[in-house]
Amino acid sequence: MQAFSSRKVSFTPKGLISGHTIGVAHCFLFIDRLYNFQDTGKPDPTMDPLLASKLRGRCPQSATVDNTVYLDQNPQSSYTIDNYFYKQILWHRGILQIDQDLALDSLTNATVTMLANDYDFSTKFGQAMVKLGSLQVLTGTQGQIRTSCRAVNYP
């Protein structure tokens, strides 16, 4: 599977990132975008100011609890795999920076725009899931089910 890569963006044109149309993100994954983007002491200028304000309410800078927010800000589709995620990132409403970068990057913007306009979204996402399903999964002592997708489990 060929992937395009620019800055921190890694995107497979088959649409697997579309999984972000459902699910949540923990505040610690994007809190820097709300309060201290790239050590500027300011929020990320590419984020919609109304979204940033809403997220600051859910993710206070001095929070002692790591809250979560839905990646899809459309309450009618938070549990539905659809193309609304792509519309949001075109509107600068991406929660995670990697998602927002998809819409901002010249290598991936055209694909984001096509998917936002429902260009064969369901087919592309389905093909990506089938391809992912064909990978040889490690089992037994060769692999592990991670307790956190970001880190290998400790023995």
C-alpha atoms as a PDB file:
ATOM      1  CA  MET A   1       0.000   0.000   0.000  1.00  0.00           C
ATOM      2  CA  GLN A   2       1.574   3.290  -1.040  1.00  0.00           C
ATOM      3  CA  ALA A   3       1.281   6.131   1.427  1.00  0.00           C
ATOM      4  CA  PHE A   4       1.828   9.825   0.925  1.00  0.00           C
ATOM      5  CA  SER A   5       3.928  11.485   3.593  1.00  0.00           C
ATOM      6  CA  SER A   6       4.507  15.158   4.309  1.00  0.00           C
ATOM      7  CA  ARG A   7       5.335  16.821   7.604  1.00  0.00           C
ATOM      8  CA  LYS A   8       3.623  14.602  10.155  1.00  0.00           C
ATOM      9  CA  VAL A   9       1.006  13.416   7.674  1.00  0.00           C
ATOM     10  CA  SER A  10       0.801   9.809   6.643  1.00  0.00           C
ATOM     11  CA  PHE A  11      -2.248   8.973   4.568  1.00  0.00           C
ATOM     12  CA  THR A  12      -3.185   5.949   2.562  1.00  0.00           C
ATOM     13  CA  PRO A  13      -5.325   6.929  -0.401  1.00  0.00           C
ATOM     14  CA  LYS A  14      -7.652   4.011   0.231  1.00  0.00           C
ATOM     15  CA  GLY A  15      -9.279   5.948   3.082  1.00  0.00           C
ATOM     16  CA  LEU A  16      -8.367   4.000   6.223  1.00  0.00           C
ATOM     17  CA  ILE A  17      -8.065   7.235   8.190  1.00  0.00           C
ATOM     18  CA  SER A  18     -11.830   7.399   7.667  1.00  0.00           C
ATOM     19  CA  GLY A  19     -12.077   5.350  10.845  1.00  0.00           C
ATOM     20  CA  HIS A  20     -11.726   8.686  12.632  1.00  0.00           C
ATOM     21  CA  THR A  21     -15.327   9.368  11.672  1.00  0.00           C
ATOM     22  CA  ILE A  22     -16.190   7.415  14.839  1.00  0.00           C
ATOM     23  CA  GLY A  23     -14.434   7.228  18.166  1.00  0.00           C
ATOM     24  CA  VAL A  24     -12.929   9.533  20.727  1.00  0.00           C
ATOM     25  CA  ALA A  25      -9.635  11.231  21.485  1.00  0.00           C
ATOM     26  CA  HIS A  26      -8.194  11.890  24.913  1.00  0.00           C
ATOM     27  CA  CYS A  27      -7.519  15.543  25.684  1.00  0.00           C
ATOM     28  CA  PHE A  28      -3.813  14.920  26.274  1.00  0.00           C
ATOM     29  CA  LEU A  29      -3.467  14.045  22.574  1.00  0.00           C
ATOM     30  CA  PHE A  30      -4.413  17.555  21.421  1.00  0.00           C
ATOM     31  CA  ILE A  31      -4.297  19.861  24.458  1.00  0.00           C
ATOM     32  CA  ASP A  32      -1.213  21.615  23.074  1.00  0.00           C
ATOM     33  CA  ARG A  33      -3.326  22.732  20.102  1.00  0.00           C
ATOM     34  CA  LEU A  34      -5.690  24.488  22.528  1.00  0.00           C
ATOM     35  CA  TYR A  35      -3.210  26.309  24.753  1.00  0.00           C
ATOM     36  CA  ASN A  36       0.400  26.150  23.581  1.00  0.00           C
ATOM     37  CA  PHE A  37       0.686  25.173  19.938  1.00  0.00           C
ATOM     38  CA  GLN A  38       4.334  24.609  18.989  1.00  0.00           C
ATOM     39  CA  ASP A  39       5.444  26.391  22.191  1.00  0.00           C
ATOM     40  CA  THR A  40       3.854  29.697  21.127  1.00  0.00           C
ATOM     41  CA  GLY A  41       1.653  30.036  24.225  1.00  0.00           C
ATOM     42  CA  LYS A  42      -1.285  30.393  21.825  1.00  0.00           C
ATOM     43  CA  PRO A  43      -3.814  27.988  20.281  1.00  0.00           C
ATOM     44  CA  ASP A  44      -3.276  26.396  16.881  1.00  0.00           C
ATOM     45  CA  PRO A  45      -4.182  29.104  14.348  1.00  0.00           C
ATOM     46  CA  THR A  46      -5.442  26.455  11.908  1.00  0.00           C
ATOM     47  CA  MET A  47      -8.178  25.311  14.324  1.00  0.00           C
ATOM     48  CA  ASP A  48     -11.621  26.874  14.066  1.00  0.00           C
ATOM     49  CA  PRO A  49     -11.816  29.306  17.036  1.00  0.00           C
ATOM     50  CA  LEU A  50     -15.323  28.162  18.010  1.00  0.00           C
ATOM     51  CA  LEU A  51     -14.158  24.537  18.123  1.00  0.00           C
ATOM     52  CA  ALA A  52     -11.085  25.510  20.161  1.00  0.00           C
ATOM     53  CA  SER A  53     -13.304  27.330  22.649  1.00  0.00           C
ATOM     54  CA  LYS A  54     -15.643  24.344  22.953  1.00  0.00           C
ATOM     55  CA  LEU A  55     -12.720  21.961  23.439  1.00  0.00           C
ATOM     56  CA  ARG A  56     -11.140  24.176  26.116  1.00  0.00           C
ATOM     57  CA  GLY A  57     -14.387  23.767  28.060  1.00  0.00           C
ATOM     58  CA  ARG A  58     -14.029  19.993  27.889  1.00  0.00           C
ATOM     59  CA  CYS A  59     -10.236  19.946  28.285  1.00  0.00           C
ATOM     60  CA  PRO A  60      -9.149  22.582  30.826  1.00  0.00           C
ATOM     61  CA  GLN A  61      -5.434  23.305  30.845  1.00  0.00           C
ATOM     62  CA  SER A  62      -5.115  22.364  34.522  1.00  0.00           C
ATOM     63  CA  ALA A  63      -7.383  19.310  34.359  1.00  0.00           C
ATOM     64  CA  THR A  64      -6.690  16.425  36.710  1.00  0.00           C
ATOM     65  CA  VAL A  65      -8.874  14.063  34.670  1.00  0.00           C
ATOM     66  CA  ASP A  66      -8.104  13.208  31.046  1.00  0.00           C
ATOM     67  CA  ASN A  67     -11.483  13.689  29.381  1.00  0.00           C
ATOM     68  CA  THR A  68     -12.378  12.484  25.919  1.00  0.00           C
ATOM     69  CA  VAL A  69     -14.121  14.157  22.996  1.00  0.00           C
ATOM     70  CA  TYR A  70     -15.750  12.687  19.923  1.00  0.00           C
ATOM     71  CA  LEU A  71     -13.567  12.983  16.832  1.00  0.00           C
ATOM     72  CA  ASP A  72     -16.717  13.577  14.779  1.00  0.00           C
ATOM     73  CA  GLN A  73     -18.247  16.812  16.052  1.00  0.00           C
ATOM     74  CA  ASN A  74     -21.575  16.090  14.347  1.00  0.00           C
ATOM     75  CA  PRO A  75     -23.844  14.566  17.037  1.00  0.00           C
ATOM     76  CA  GLN A  76     -26.035  12.958  14.358  1.00  0.00           C
ATOM     77  CA  SER A  77     -23.133  10.935  12.962  1.00  0.00           C
ATOM     78  CA  SER A  78     -20.782  10.314  15.910  1.00  0.00           C
ATOM     79  CA  TYR A  79     -21.519   6.584  15.706  1.00  0.00           C
ATOM     80  CA  THR A  80     -21.805   6.335  11.923  1.00  0.00           C
ATOM     81  CA  ILE A  81     -19.032   5.697   9.424  1.00  0.00           C
ATOM     82  CA  ASP A  82     -19.626   8.466   6.915  1.00  0.00           C
ATOM     83  CA  ASN A  83     -17.770  11.240   5.148  1.00  0.00           C
ATOM     84  CA  TYR A  84     -18.651  13.998   7.626  1.00  0.00           C
ATOM     85  CA  PHE A  85     -15.164  13.711   9.158  1.00  0.00           C
ATOM     86  CA  TYR A  86     -13.701  14.986   5.882  1.00  0.00           C
ATOM     87  CA  LYS A  87     -16.114  17.918   5.761  1.00  0.00           C
ATOM     88  CA  GLN A  88     -15.066  18.874   9.280  1.00  0.00           C
ATOM     89  CA  ILE A  89     -11.365  18.941   8.514  1.00  0.00           C
ATOM     90  CA  LEU A  90     -12.016  21.093   5.440  1.00  0.00           C
ATOM     91  CA  TRP A  91     -13.772  23.501   7.856  1.00  0.00           C
ATOM     92  CA  HIS A  92     -10.679  23.483  10.145  1.00  0.00           C
ATOM     93  CA  ARG A  93     -12.518  21.420  12.739  1.00  0.00           C
ATOM     94  CA  GLY A  94     -10.074  18.520  13.007  1.00  0.00           C
ATOM     95  CA  ILE A  95      -9.475  17.514  16.617  1.00  0.00           C
ATOM     96  CA  LEU A  96      -6.156  15.755  16.060  1.00  0.00           C
ATOM     97  CA  GLN A  97      -3.420  17.653  14.263  1.00  0.00           C
ATOM     98  CA  ILE A  98      -2.698  14.718  11.949  1.00  0.00           C
ATOM     99  CA  ASP A  99      -6.332  14.800  10.831  1.00  0.00           C
ATOM    100  CA  GLN A 100      -6.290  18.559  10.244  1.00  0.00           C
ATOM    101  CA  ASP A 101      -3.002  18.279   8.349  1.00  0.00           C
ATOM    102  CA  LEU A 102      -4.740  16.038   5.801  1.00  0.00           C
ATOM    103  CA  ALA A 103      -6.869  18.972   4.699  1.00  0.00           C
ATOM    104  CA  LEU A 104      -4.028  21.488   4.851  1.00  0.00           C
ATOM    105  CA  ASP A 105      -1.392  19.491   2.986  1.00  0.00           C
ATOM    106  CA  SER A 106      -1.183  19.944  -0.776  1.00  0.00           C
ATOM    107  CA  LEU A 107      -0.524  16.206  -1.265  1.00  0.00           C
ATOM    108  CA  THR A 108      -3.744  15.115   0.443  1.00  0.00           C
ATOM    109  CA  ASN A 109      -6.139  18.062   0.152  1.00  0.00           C
ATOM    110  CA  ALA A 110      -7.629  16.927  -3.169  1.00  0.00           C
ATOM    111  CA  THR A 111      -8.379  13.465  -1.751  1.00  0.00           C
ATOM    112  CA  VAL A 112      -9.952  14.994   1.366  1.00  0.00           C
ATOM    113  CA  THR A 113     -12.110  17.243  -0.814  1.00  0.00           C
ATOM    114  CA  MET A 114     -13.245  14.322  -2.992  1.00  0.00           C
ATOM    115  CA  LEU A 115     -14.153  12.217   0.062  1.00  0.00           C
ATOM    116  CA  ALA A 116     -15.934  15.176   1.701  1.00  0.00           C
ATOM    117  CA  ASN A 117     -18.049  15.437  -1.442  1.00  0.00           C
ATOM    118  CA  ASP A 118     -18.949  11.735  -1.089  1.00  0.00           C
ATOM    119  CA  TYR A 119     -16.714  10.593  -3.929  1.00  0.00           C
ATOM    120  CA  ASP A 120     -17.226   6.858  -3.530  1.00  0.00           C
ATOM    121  CA  PHE A 121     -16.606   7.153   0.229  1.00  0.00           C
ATOM    122  CA  SER A 122     -18.233   3.891   1.285  1.00  0.00           C
ATOM    123  CA  THR A 123     -16.446   1.886  -1.393  1.00  0.00           C
ATOM    124  CA  LYS A 124     -13.034   3.381  -0.590  1.00  0.00           C
ATOM    125  CA  PHE A 125     -13.436   2.789   3.137  1.00  0.00           C
ATOM    126  CA  GLY A 126     -14.679  -0.747   2.559  1.00  0.00           C
ATOM    127  CA  GLN A 127     -11.714  -1.525   0.302  1.00  0.00           C
ATOM    128  CA  ALA A 128      -9.302  -0.208   2.939  1.00  0.00           C
ATOM    129  CA  MET A 129     -10.874  -2.390   5.641  1.00  0.00           C
ATOM    130  CA  VAL A 130     -10.749  -5.481   3.406  1.00  0.00           C
ATOM    131  CA  LYS A 131      -7.095  -4.809   2.664  1.00  0.00           C
ATOM    132  CA  LEU A 132      -6.363  -4.361   6.363  1.00  0.00           C
ATOM    133  CA  GLY A 133      -8.178  -7.625   7.067  1.00  0.00           C
ATOM    134  CA  SER A 134      -5.905  -9.480   4.661  1.00  0.00           C
ATOM    135  CA  LEU A 135      -2.791  -8.693   6.708  1.00  0.00           C
ATOM    136  CA  GLN A 136      -1.237 -11.614   8.517  1.00  0.00           C
ATOM    137  CA  VAL A 137      -1.966 -10.901  12.169  1.00  0.00           C
ATOM    138  CA  LEU A 138       0.576 -12.056  14.729  1.00  0.00           C
ATOM    139  CA  THR A 139      -0.942 -14.554  17.148  1.00  0.00           C
ATOM    140  CA  GLY A 140       0.098 -16.499  20.216  1.00  0.00           C
ATOM    141  CA  THR A 141       3.533 -15.538  21.494  1.00  0.00           C
ATOM    142  CA  GLN A 142       4.318 -13.666  18.239  1.00  0.00           C
ATOM    143  CA  GLY A 143       1.870 -10.858  18.914  1.00  0.00           C
ATOM    144  CA  GLN A 144      -0.181  -9.141  21.595  1.00  0.00           C
ATOM    145  CA  ILE A 145      -3.433  -7.311  22.121  1.00  0.00           C
ATOM    146  CA  ARG A 146      -2.293  -3.915  23.338  1.00  0.00           C
ATOM    147  CA  THR A 147      -3.915  -2.250  26.315  1.00  0.00           C
ATOM    148  CA  SER A 148      -3.031   1.060  24.644  1.00  0.00           C
ATOM    149  CA  CYS A 149      -2.704   1.328  20.863  1.00  0.00           C
ATOM    150  CA  ARG A 150       0.198   3.779  21.285  1.00  0.00           C
ATOM    151  CA  ALA A 151       2.542   1.463  23.207  1.00  0.00           C
ATOM    152  CA  VAL A 152       3.704  -2.113  23.396  1.00  0.00           C
ATOM    153  CA  ASN A 153       2.523  -3.892  26.551  1.00  0.00           C
ATOM    154  CA  TYR A 154       5.139  -4.359  29.248  1.00  0.00           C
ATOM    155  CA  PRO A 155       5.914  -8.013  30.101  1.00  0.00           C
END
